[in-house]
Amino acid sequence: MNDRKYLSVGALTRYLKMKFDTDENLRLVFLKGEISNFKSHSSGHLYFSIKDETSKINAIMFSKSASKLTFQPADGMKILVTGRISIYEASGNYQIYVEEMLEDGVGNLYIAFEKLKAQLSKEGLFDPRHKKPIPKIPERIGIITAPTGAAIKDIISTIRRRFPIAETILFPSLVQGENAASDIVKNIKRAENYNLDLLIVGRGGGSIEDLWPFNEESVARTIFACPIPIISAVGHEIDYTISDFVADLRAPTPTGAAELAVPNILDLTKHMTQLKIRLHESIHKTIHLQKLYLDSLKNSFVIKNPIMIYENKSQKLDTLIERLKQSMTRTLEHKRFDLDHIMKHYIFLHPEELYAKQMIDLKTKIEKLELINPMSVLKRGFAIPYQESHIIKSIYDVKKEEDIKLKLYDGEIDLKVITIKGE
């Protein structure tokens, strides 16, 4: 028992690291797989995982190598990497130190994401005209997320700090895994029955696989159909999901969603104080102006001598009455003059002459009509031969043995044509 030598964890890790570092097969390794959990550090180093259908390995690419990349790595990308395998002593995990990275197409999840995004965009689910306005001062806020974890804590603490009078209702939901999408859909529909002003749907950060429920078509269509304004708060600021595009507002983080959901009560209090001050100033100013106006009325000549109003109006009325009388007198004089002129006219003085003249004119017209009257011509011994409805004007208008009529002054004679003689 006393012969056993116990190693420290650090000693064991250093031994294994030495084995990894001296293994020729691990000094230069070529791997292909899909990027997951990608993070870009402010130092320029890249941290991510490389996975396939069965396994996953952590990876790091230092800034010197990362600066040579000709593309922007992202979750879901298929890549080809060259590097060495070693152990990170602080955690005891083995990882690949990437020296070179090439694109090897896009991962299946990324392809599915872009396909659904294009389809829903074409259908108009992302159109800004369908976005419902976010209420400025919501009273009841629903939250759909996991009941544990940093996301719900951040949302609740931010709302309580900024606007503690708002009521929050948590709808605990799965936000990761195979059944998460259906659970999110169920809770959105459930929230519609709670008379909410606003709904926050989201979760904290994670890999593209972790966030995938928020890329499901069923979740997107349920968010679009929901009558409650929805803020999508999925992942970190660099993470985008289908839910972000279809929601009424996208927040970069769960904390950001809470900040967008409610106003800062301190700002509201300050604003109300300013409004109160402005209201008091406006009231005082109005009262002051009305007092000045009242004083001006009190000191006006009319108020001090009200009888002057009556006197001025009475004088003006007398003037108008006098003008009316004068106008009526002038009008009557003009009409009387016109009447006198008419009465002195020749027609009124000698109306019988007008009658005699008209009788002469009538007789003249009757004589003229008699001159052109065919019956007057017949009285002088003339006759009009005719046949049926037409007058016979020529010997060629009739034939032998035809019957004709002869119109005389006092009647008609029926004749038969015996002979026809020309000139």
Protein backbone atom coordinates (compact mmCIF):
# COMPACT_ATOMS: atom_id res chain seq x y z
CA MET A 1 0.00 0.00 0.00
CA ASN A 2 2.82 2.38 0.89
CA ASP A 3 4.62 1.58 -2.40
CA ARG A 4 1.92 3.27 -4.47
CA LYS A 5 2.83 6.59 -6.02
CA TYR A 6 -0.16 8.94 -6.43
CA LEU A 7 0.07 11.49 -9.21
CA SER A 8 -1.47 14.91 -9.17
CA VAL A 9 -3.98 15.78 -11.86
CA GLY A 10 -1.54 18.30 -13.26
CA ALA A 11 1.23 15.69 -13.47
CA LEU A 12 -1.03 13.25 -15.30
CA THR A 13 -2.21 15.96 -17.68
CA ARG A 14 1.37 17.00 -18.43
CA TYR A 15 2.32 13.37 -19.09
CA LEU A 16 -0.57 12.91 -21.51
CA LYS A 17 0.22 16.22 -23.18
CA MET A 18 3.82 15.09 -23.66
CA LYS A 19 2.56 11.87 -25.23
CA PHE A 20 0.28 13.82 -27.57
CA ASP A 21 3.00 16.28 -28.51
CA THR A 22 5.57 13.57 -29.30
CA ASP A 23 3.18 11.40 -31.32
CA GLU A 24 4.12 11.81 -34.99
CA ASN A 25 0.55 10.96 -36.06
CA LEU A 26 -0.87 13.89 -34.05
CA ARG A 27 1.63 16.55 -35.08
CA LEU A 28 -0.02 17.03 -38.48
CA VAL A 29 -3.68 16.13 -38.75
CA PHE A 30 -6.15 16.76 -41.58
CA LEU A 31 -9.79 16.94 -40.45
CA LYS A 32 -13.09 17.73 -42.10
CA GLY A 33 -16.36 18.46 -40.38
CA GLU A 34 -18.91 21.12 -39.51
CA ILE A 35 -18.35 24.26 -37.41
CA SER A 36 -20.31 24.52 -34.19
CA ASN A 37 -20.25 26.90 -31.17
CA PHE A 38 -18.18 29.43 -33.13
CA LYS A 39 -16.83 32.42 -31.16
CA SER A 40 -14.50 35.18 -32.31
CA HIS A 41 -12.47 36.66 -29.42
CA SER A 42 -11.43 40.30 -29.25
CA SER A 43 -7.82 39.09 -29.35
CA GLY A 44 -8.40 37.74 -32.83
CA HIS A 45 -8.32 34.09 -31.74
CA LEU A 46 -11.14 31.83 -33.00
CA TYR A 47 -12.75 29.24 -30.73
CA PHE A 48 -15.13 26.61 -32.11
CA SER A 49 -15.91 22.90 -32.37
CA ILE A 50 -15.62 20.57 -35.34
CA LYS A 51 -18.23 17.83 -35.49
CA ASP A 52 -19.62 15.11 -37.68
CA GLU A 53 -22.48 12.67 -37.24
CA THR A 54 -20.88 10.84 -34.29
CA SER A 55 -18.20 12.97 -32.61
CA LYS A 56 -17.00 16.47 -31.78
CA ILE A 57 -13.60 18.00 -31.05
CA ASN A 58 -12.78 21.46 -29.67
CA ALA A 59 -10.65 23.68 -31.86
CA ILE A 60 -8.69 26.92 -31.58
CA MET A 61 -7.16 29.03 -34.32
CA PHE A 62 -4.75 31.72 -33.14
CA SER A 63 -4.97 35.21 -34.59
CA LYS A 64 -1.79 34.79 -36.68
CA SER A 65 -3.39 31.93 -38.63
CA ALA A 66 -6.91 33.39 -38.51
CA SER A 67 -5.73 36.60 -40.21
CA LYS A 68 -4.97 34.57 -43.33
CA LEU A 69 -8.57 33.37 -43.79
CA THR A 70 -10.36 34.49 -46.96
CA PHE A 71 -13.86 33.84 -45.60
CA GLN A 72 -15.84 34.41 -42.41
CA PRO A 73 -16.37 31.15 -40.48
CA ALA A 74 -19.85 30.56 -39.08
CA ASP A 75 -21.87 27.84 -37.41
CA GLY A 76 -23.01 25.17 -39.84
CA MET A 77 -20.14 25.62 -42.31
CA LYS A 78 -18.40 22.55 -43.69
CA ILE A 79 -14.64 23.01 -43.39
CA LEU A 80 -11.30 21.33 -44.08
CA VAL A 81 -8.62 22.02 -41.42
CA THR A 82 -4.95 21.30 -40.95
CA GLY A 83 -3.44 21.36 -37.46
CA ARG A 84 -1.98 19.46 -34.53
CA ILE A 85 -3.66 17.63 -31.67
CA SER A 86 -2.65 18.47 -28.10
CA ILE A 87 -4.07 18.79 -24.59
CA TYR A 88 -5.07 22.04 -22.94
CA GLU A 89 -3.69 21.56 -19.44
CA ALA A 90 -6.08 23.93 -17.67
CA SER A 91 -9.12 21.81 -18.56
CA GLY A 92 -7.50 18.51 -19.44
CA ASN A 93 -9.36 18.44 -22.75
CA TYR A 94 -7.69 17.49 -25.96
CA GLN A 95 -8.21 19.85 -28.92
CA ILE A 96 -6.92 20.66 -32.35
CA TYR A 97 -4.80 23.76 -32.91
CA VAL A 98 -5.82 24.83 -36.41
CA GLU A 99 -3.17 26.30 -38.67
CA GLU A 100 -5.12 26.30 -41.92
CA MET A 101 -8.86 26.26 -42.71
CA LEU A 102 -10.67 25.88 -46.03
CA GLU A 103 -14.37 25.91 -46.88
CA ASP A 104 -15.88 22.55 -47.73
CA GLY A 105 -19.43 23.63 -48.58
CA VAL A 106 -22.18 24.60 -46.15
CA GLY A 107 -23.62 22.37 -43.47
CA ASN A 108 -27.07 20.81 -43.78
CA LEU A 109 -28.56 23.00 -41.04
CA TYR A 110 -27.31 26.14 -42.71
CA ILE A 111 -28.78 25.02 -46.05
CA ALA A 112 -32.13 24.31 -44.39
CA PHE A 113 -31.99 27.73 -42.68
CA GLU A 114 -31.41 29.62 -45.93
CA LYS A 115 -34.06 27.61 -47.80
CA LEU A 116 -36.78 28.29 -45.21
CA LYS A 117 -35.71 31.94 -44.90
CA ALA A 118 -36.08 32.45 -48.66
CA GLN A 119 -39.46 30.69 -48.72
CA LEU A 120 -40.99 32.68 -45.86
CA SER A 121 -39.57 35.93 -47.18
CA LYS A 122 -41.20 35.26 -50.56
CA GLU A 123 -44.53 34.64 -48.80
CA GLY A 124 -44.25 38.04 -47.08
CA LEU A 125 -43.83 36.85 -43.49
CA PHE A 126 -40.89 39.25 -43.03
CA ASP A 127 -42.65 42.24 -44.61
CA PRO A 128 -42.50 45.30 -42.28
CA ARG A 129 -46.14 46.16 -43.04
CA HIS A 130 -47.19 43.05 -41.08
CA LYS A 131 -45.20 44.07 -37.99
CA LYS A 132 -47.42 44.98 -35.03
CA PRO A 133 -46.33 48.02 -33.00
CA ILE A 134 -44.73 47.33 -29.62
CA PRO A 135 -46.76 49.04 -26.84
CA LYS A 136 -44.86 51.85 -25.15
CA ILE A 137 -46.13 51.04 -21.66
CA PRO A 138 -47.19 47.37 -21.44
CA GLU A 139 -49.05 46.26 -18.31
CA ARG A 140 -48.91 42.45 -18.80
CA ILE A 141 -45.89 40.80 -20.40
CA GLY A 142 -45.66 37.12 -21.28
CA ILE A 143 -42.29 35.34 -21.40
CA ILE A 144 -41.75 32.06 -23.25
CA THR A 145 -38.39 30.52 -22.36
CA ALA A 146 -36.81 27.88 -20.16
CA PRO A 147 -37.82 28.27 -16.48
CA THR A 148 -34.17 27.98 -15.42
CA GLY A 149 -31.03 29.53 -16.77
CA ALA A 150 -29.61 32.98 -17.35
CA ALA A 151 -32.19 34.11 -19.95
CA ILE A 152 -35.24 34.18 -17.65
CA LYS A 153 -33.21 35.67 -14.81
CA ASP A 154 -31.91 38.46 -17.04
CA ILE A 155 -35.36 39.25 -18.46
CA ILE A 156 -37.14 39.30 -15.09
CA SER A 157 -34.43 41.29 -13.30
CA THR A 158 -34.26 43.87 -16.11
CA ILE A 159 -38.05 44.36 -16.20
CA ARG A 160 -38.24 44.69 -12.41
CA ARG A 161 -35.41 47.18 -12.41
CA ARG A 162 -36.73 49.32 -15.27
CA PHE A 163 -40.50 49.04 -14.83
CA PRO A 164 -41.47 47.16 -11.66
CA ILE A 165 -45.19 47.90 -12.00
CA ALA A 166 -45.44 45.64 -15.09
CA GLU A 167 -46.89 42.18 -14.51
CA THR A 168 -44.88 39.28 -15.97
CA ILE A 169 -46.21 35.80 -16.70
CA LEU A 170 -43.77 32.97 -17.44
CA PHE A 171 -44.80 30.20 -19.81
CA PRO A 172 -42.12 27.53 -19.12
CA SER A 173 -41.03 25.96 -22.38
CA LEU A 174 -38.44 23.65 -23.85
CA VAL A 175 -36.03 25.74 -25.88
CA GLN A 176 -33.61 23.04 -27.02
CA GLY A 177 -33.95 19.54 -28.33
CA GLU A 178 -36.30 17.48 -30.47
CA ASN A 179 -39.59 18.51 -28.80
CA ALA A 180 -38.72 22.17 -28.25
CA ALA A 181 -40.39 23.54 -31.40
CA SER A 182 -43.78 21.97 -30.66
CA ASP A 183 -43.55 23.14 -27.03
CA ILE A 184 -42.83 26.73 -28.12
CA VAL A 185 -45.80 26.64 -30.52
CA LYS A 186 -48.06 25.30 -27.76
CA ASN A 187 -47.04 28.04 -25.33
CA ILE A 188 -47.48 30.85 -27.88
CA LYS A 189 -51.05 29.69 -28.52
CA ARG A 190 -51.59 29.31 -24.78
CA ALA A 191 -50.38 32.87 -24.17
CA GLU A 192 -53.08 34.23 -26.50
CA ASN A 193 -55.67 33.54 -23.77
CA TYR A 194 -54.00 35.68 -21.07
CA ASN A 195 -54.88 39.20 -22.26
CA LEU A 196 -51.21 40.11 -22.74
CA ASP A 197 -49.90 43.40 -24.09
CA LEU A 198 -46.59 41.91 -25.18
CA LEU A 199 -44.86 38.54 -25.54
CA ILE A 200 -41.11 37.80 -25.33
CA VAL A 201 -39.99 34.54 -26.96
CA GLY A 202 -36.37 33.41 -26.69
CA ARG A 203 -33.46 31.83 -24.92
CA GLY A 204 -29.77 32.36 -24.21
CA GLY A 205 -26.90 31.67 -26.56
CA GLY A 206 -25.77 28.34 -27.93
CA SER A 207 -24.72 26.49 -31.04
CA ILE A 208 -26.77 26.44 -34.20
CA GLU A 209 -28.11 23.08 -33.07
CA ASP A 210 -29.14 24.52 -29.70
CA LEU A 211 -30.96 27.44 -31.34
CA TRP A 212 -32.54 25.33 -34.09
CA PRO A 213 -36.08 25.14 -32.60
CA PHE A 214 -36.37 28.87 -33.34
CA ASN A 215 -35.59 28.10 -37.01
CA GLU A 216 -38.48 25.67 -37.37
CA GLU A 217 -41.25 26.59 -39.83
CA SER A 218 -44.02 25.78 -37.33
CA VAL A 219 -42.58 28.25 -34.81
CA ALA A 220 -42.20 30.96 -37.46
CA ARG A 221 -45.78 30.63 -38.71
CA THR A 222 -47.18 30.58 -35.17
CA ILE A 223 -45.30 33.80 -34.31
CA PHE A 224 -46.60 35.43 -37.50
CA ALA A 225 -50.22 34.44 -36.76
CA CYS A 226 -50.11 35.49 -33.10
CA PRO A 227 -52.28 38.60 -32.41
CA ILE A 228 -49.96 39.65 -29.55
CA PRO A 229 -46.90 41.78 -30.46
CA ILE A 230 -43.83 39.52 -30.12
CA ILE A 231 -40.20 40.38 -29.38
CA SER A 232 -37.76 37.64 -30.42
CA ALA A 233 -34.76 37.30 -28.10
CA VAL A 234 -32.72 34.30 -29.22
CA GLY A 235 -29.02 33.81 -28.46
CA HIS A 236 -26.39 36.51 -28.61
CA GLU A 237 -26.15 39.63 -30.73
CA ILE A 238 -24.45 37.78 -33.61
CA ASP A 239 -27.06 35.01 -33.66
CA TYR A 240 -29.95 35.28 -36.11
CA THR A 241 -32.86 32.85 -36.36
CA ILE A 242 -35.99 32.63 -38.50
CA SER A 243 -37.96 33.75 -35.43
CA ASP A 244 -36.00 37.01 -35.41
CA PHE A 245 -37.11 37.82 -38.97
CA VAL A 246 -40.79 36.97 -38.52
CA ALA A 247 -41.26 38.53 -35.06
CA ASP A 248 -42.54 42.09 -34.69
CA LEU A 249 -39.20 43.13 -33.16
CA ARG A 250 -35.83 41.44 -32.81
CA ALA A 251 -33.73 41.92 -29.68
CA PRO A 252 -29.99 41.10 -29.71
CA THR A 253 -30.16 39.34 -26.33
CA PRO A 254 -32.77 38.38 -23.70
CA THR A 255 -31.63 41.37 -21.62
CA GLY A 256 -32.02 43.56 -24.68
CA ALA A 257 -35.56 42.23 -25.15
CA ALA A 258 -36.50 43.29 -21.63
CA GLU A 259 -35.04 46.75 -22.26
CA LEU A 260 -37.04 47.08 -25.48
CA ALA A 261 -40.20 45.75 -23.85
CA VAL A 262 -40.57 48.28 -21.03
CA PRO A 263 -39.64 51.92 -20.47
CA ASN A 264 -37.31 53.01 -17.69
CA ILE A 265 -39.52 54.14 -14.83
CA LEU A 266 -36.89 56.70 -13.83
CA ASP A 267 -37.09 58.23 -17.31
CA LEU A 268 -40.89 58.22 -17.14
CA THR A 269 -40.82 59.87 -13.72
CA LYS A 270 -38.42 62.50 -14.99
CA HIS A 271 -40.56 63.07 -18.08
CA MET A 272 -43.73 63.39 -15.97
CA THR A 273 -41.98 65.87 -13.69
CA GLN A 274 -41.02 67.95 -16.71
CA LEU A 275 -44.58 67.78 -18.03
CA LYS A 276 -45.88 68.86 -14.62
CA ILE A 277 -43.53 71.85 -14.61
CA ARG A 278 -44.52 72.79 -18.15
CA LEU A 279 -48.21 72.41 -17.27
CA HIS A 280 -47.86 74.70 -14.25
CA GLU A 281 -45.98 77.25 -16.32
CA SER A 282 -48.63 77.10 -19.01
CA ILE A 283 -51.46 77.52 -16.48
CA HIS A 284 -49.73 80.46 -14.80
CA LYS A 285 -49.04 82.07 -18.15
CA THR A 286 -52.67 81.62 -19.25
CA ILE A 287 -53.99 83.06 -15.98
CA HIS A 288 -51.61 86.02 -16.26
CA LEU A 289 -52.70 86.76 -19.83
CA GLN A 290 -56.37 86.48 -18.88
CA LYS A 291 -55.82 88.88 -15.98
CA LEU A 292 -54.21 91.37 -18.32
CA TYR A 293 -57.12 90.99 -20.72
CA LEU A 294 -59.63 91.48 -17.88
CA ASP A 295 -57.81 94.60 -16.71
CA SER A 296 -57.87 95.99 -20.23
CA LEU A 297 -61.62 95.39 -20.37
CA LYS A 298 -62.16 97.04 -17.01
CA ASN A 299 -60.22 100.10 -18.10
CA SER A 300 -61.76 100.34 -21.54
CA PHE A 301 -63.79 103.44 -22.46
CA VAL A 302 -66.84 101.35 -23.35
CA ILE A 303 -67.02 99.60 -19.99
CA LYS A 304 -66.64 102.89 -18.13
CA ASN A 305 -69.22 104.62 -20.36
CA PRO A 306 -71.70 101.91 -21.45
CA ILE A 307 -74.29 104.53 -22.47
CA MET A 308 -71.91 105.45 -25.30
CA ILE A 309 -72.57 102.10 -26.93
CA TYR A 310 -76.32 102.84 -27.09
CA GLU A 311 -75.78 106.41 -28.25
CA ASN A 312 -73.40 105.39 -31.03
CA LYS A 313 -75.72 102.63 -32.21
CA SER A 314 -78.76 104.93 -32.00
CA GLN A 315 -77.00 107.58 -34.05
CA LYS A 316 -75.95 105.02 -36.61
CA LEU A 317 -79.55 103.75 -36.82
CA ASP A 318 -80.85 107.31 -37.42
CA THR A 319 -78.33 107.72 -40.18
CA LEU A 320 -79.39 104.46 -41.83
CA ILE A 321 -83.09 105.36 -41.58
CA GLU A 322 -82.41 108.73 -43.19
CA ARG A 323 -80.49 107.10 -46.02
CA LEU A 324 -83.34 104.63 -46.55
CA LYS A 325 -85.90 107.44 -46.76
CA GLN A 326 -83.80 109.34 -49.26
CA SER A 327 -83.33 106.23 -51.35
CA MET A 328 -87.06 105.48 -51.35
CA THR A 329 -87.88 109.08 -52.30
CA ARG A 330 -85.43 109.03 -55.23
CA THR A 331 -86.80 105.69 -56.41
CA LEU A 332 -90.40 106.94 -56.30
CA GLU A 333 -89.48 110.11 -58.17
CA HIS A 334 -87.78 108.10 -60.91
CA LYS A 335 -90.74 105.78 -61.25
CA ARG A 336 -93.21 108.71 -61.30
CA PHE A 337 -91.21 110.40 -64.05
CA ASP A 338 -91.22 107.18 -66.10
CA LEU A 339 -94.98 106.85 -65.64
CA ASP A 340 -95.62 110.44 -66.74
CA HIS A 341 -93.50 109.90 -69.82
CA ILE A 342 -95.45 106.79 -70.72
CA MET A 343 -98.83 108.44 -70.19
CA LYS A 344 -97.85 111.28 -72.55
CA HIS A 345 -97.06 108.83 -75.32
CA TYR A 346 -99.03 109.13 -78.62
CA ILE A 347 -100.65 105.75 -78.13
CA PHE A 348 -102.21 106.69 -74.82
CA LEU A 349 -103.38 110.07 -76.14
CA HIS A 350 -104.94 108.70 -79.41
CA PRO A 351 -105.65 104.99 -78.96
CA GLU A 352 -108.32 104.98 -81.77
CA GLU A 353 -105.70 105.88 -84.34
CA LEU A 354 -103.69 102.84 -83.36
CA TYR A 355 -106.83 100.72 -84.01
CA ALA A 356 -107.50 102.37 -87.38
CA LYS A 357 -103.95 101.87 -88.51
CA GLN A 358 -104.08 98.20 -87.57
CA MET A 359 -107.35 97.74 -89.49
CA ILE A 360 -105.78 99.30 -92.60
CA ASP A 361 -102.81 96.98 -92.32
CA LEU A 362 -105.11 93.99 -91.91
CA LYS A 363 -107.16 94.93 -94.98
CA THR A 364 -104.00 95.30 -97.05
CA LYS A 365 -102.79 91.86 -96.03
CA ILE A 366 -106.18 90.30 -96.84
CA GLU A 367 -106.11 91.84 -100.31
CA LYS A 368 -102.63 90.46 -100.90
CA LEU A 369 -103.77 87.01 -99.83
CA GLU A 370 -106.77 87.24 -102.19
CA LEU A 371 -104.47 87.99 -105.09
CA ILE A 372 -102.53 84.76 -104.59
CA ASN A 373 -105.61 82.65 -103.65
CA PRO A 374 -106.20 80.01 -106.40
CA MET A 375 -109.95 80.25 -105.85
CA SER A 376 -109.89 83.91 -106.85
CA VAL A 377 -108.25 82.96 -110.14
CA LEU A 378 -110.98 80.38 -110.77
CA LYS A 379 -113.62 83.10 -110.30
CA ARG A 380 -112.16 84.87 -113.29
CA GLY A 381 -113.02 81.90 -115.58
CA PHE A 382 -110.04 79.68 -115.19
CA ALA A 383 -110.18 75.90 -114.45
CA ILE A 384 -107.67 73.32 -113.07
CA PRO A 385 -107.51 69.88 -114.74
CA TYR A 386 -106.26 67.09 -112.54
CA GLN A 387 -106.20 63.34 -112.33
CA GLU A 388 -106.38 61.65 -108.95
CA SER A 389 -103.85 63.54 -106.79
CA HIS A 390 -101.77 65.38 -109.43
CA ILE A 391 -102.46 68.42 -111.58
CA ILE A 392 -102.27 67.98 -115.36
CA LYS A 393 -99.75 70.48 -116.68
CA SER A 394 -99.02 69.01 -120.14
CA ILE A 395 -100.77 67.02 -122.88
CA TYR A 396 -98.23 64.35 -122.17
CA ASP A 397 -99.62 63.84 -118.68
CA VAL A 398 -102.76 62.10 -120.05
CA LYS A 399 -103.78 59.49 -122.59
CA LYS A 400 -106.86 58.94 -124.74
CA GLU A 401 -109.88 57.42 -123.08
CA GLU A 402 -108.59 58.37 -119.61
CA ASP A 403 -110.92 59.98 -117.09
CA ILE A 404 -109.92 63.38 -115.74
CA LYS A 405 -111.55 66.04 -113.56
CA LEU A 406 -111.88 69.77 -114.11
CA LYS A 407 -111.90 71.99 -111.04
CA LEU A 408 -114.02 75.14 -111.43
CA TYR A 409 -114.85 77.94 -108.99
CA ASP A 410 -118.11 76.41 -107.84
CA GLY A 411 -117.55 72.66 -108.43
CA GLU A 412 -115.97 69.86 -110.50
CA ILE A 413 -116.70 68.29 -113.94
CA ASP A 414 -115.85 64.67 -114.84
CA LEU A 415 -114.43 64.42 -118.39
CA LYS A 416 -113.05 61.72 -120.71
CA VAL A 417 -110.15 62.44 -123.06
CA ILE A 418 -111.33 62.00 -126.67
CA THR A 419 -108.52 63.61 -128.58
CA ILE A 420 -105.19 65.14 -127.72
CA LYS A 421 -103.88 68.02 -129.86
CA GLY A 422 -100.54 69.64 -129.57
CA GLU A 423 -99.26 72.96 -130.88
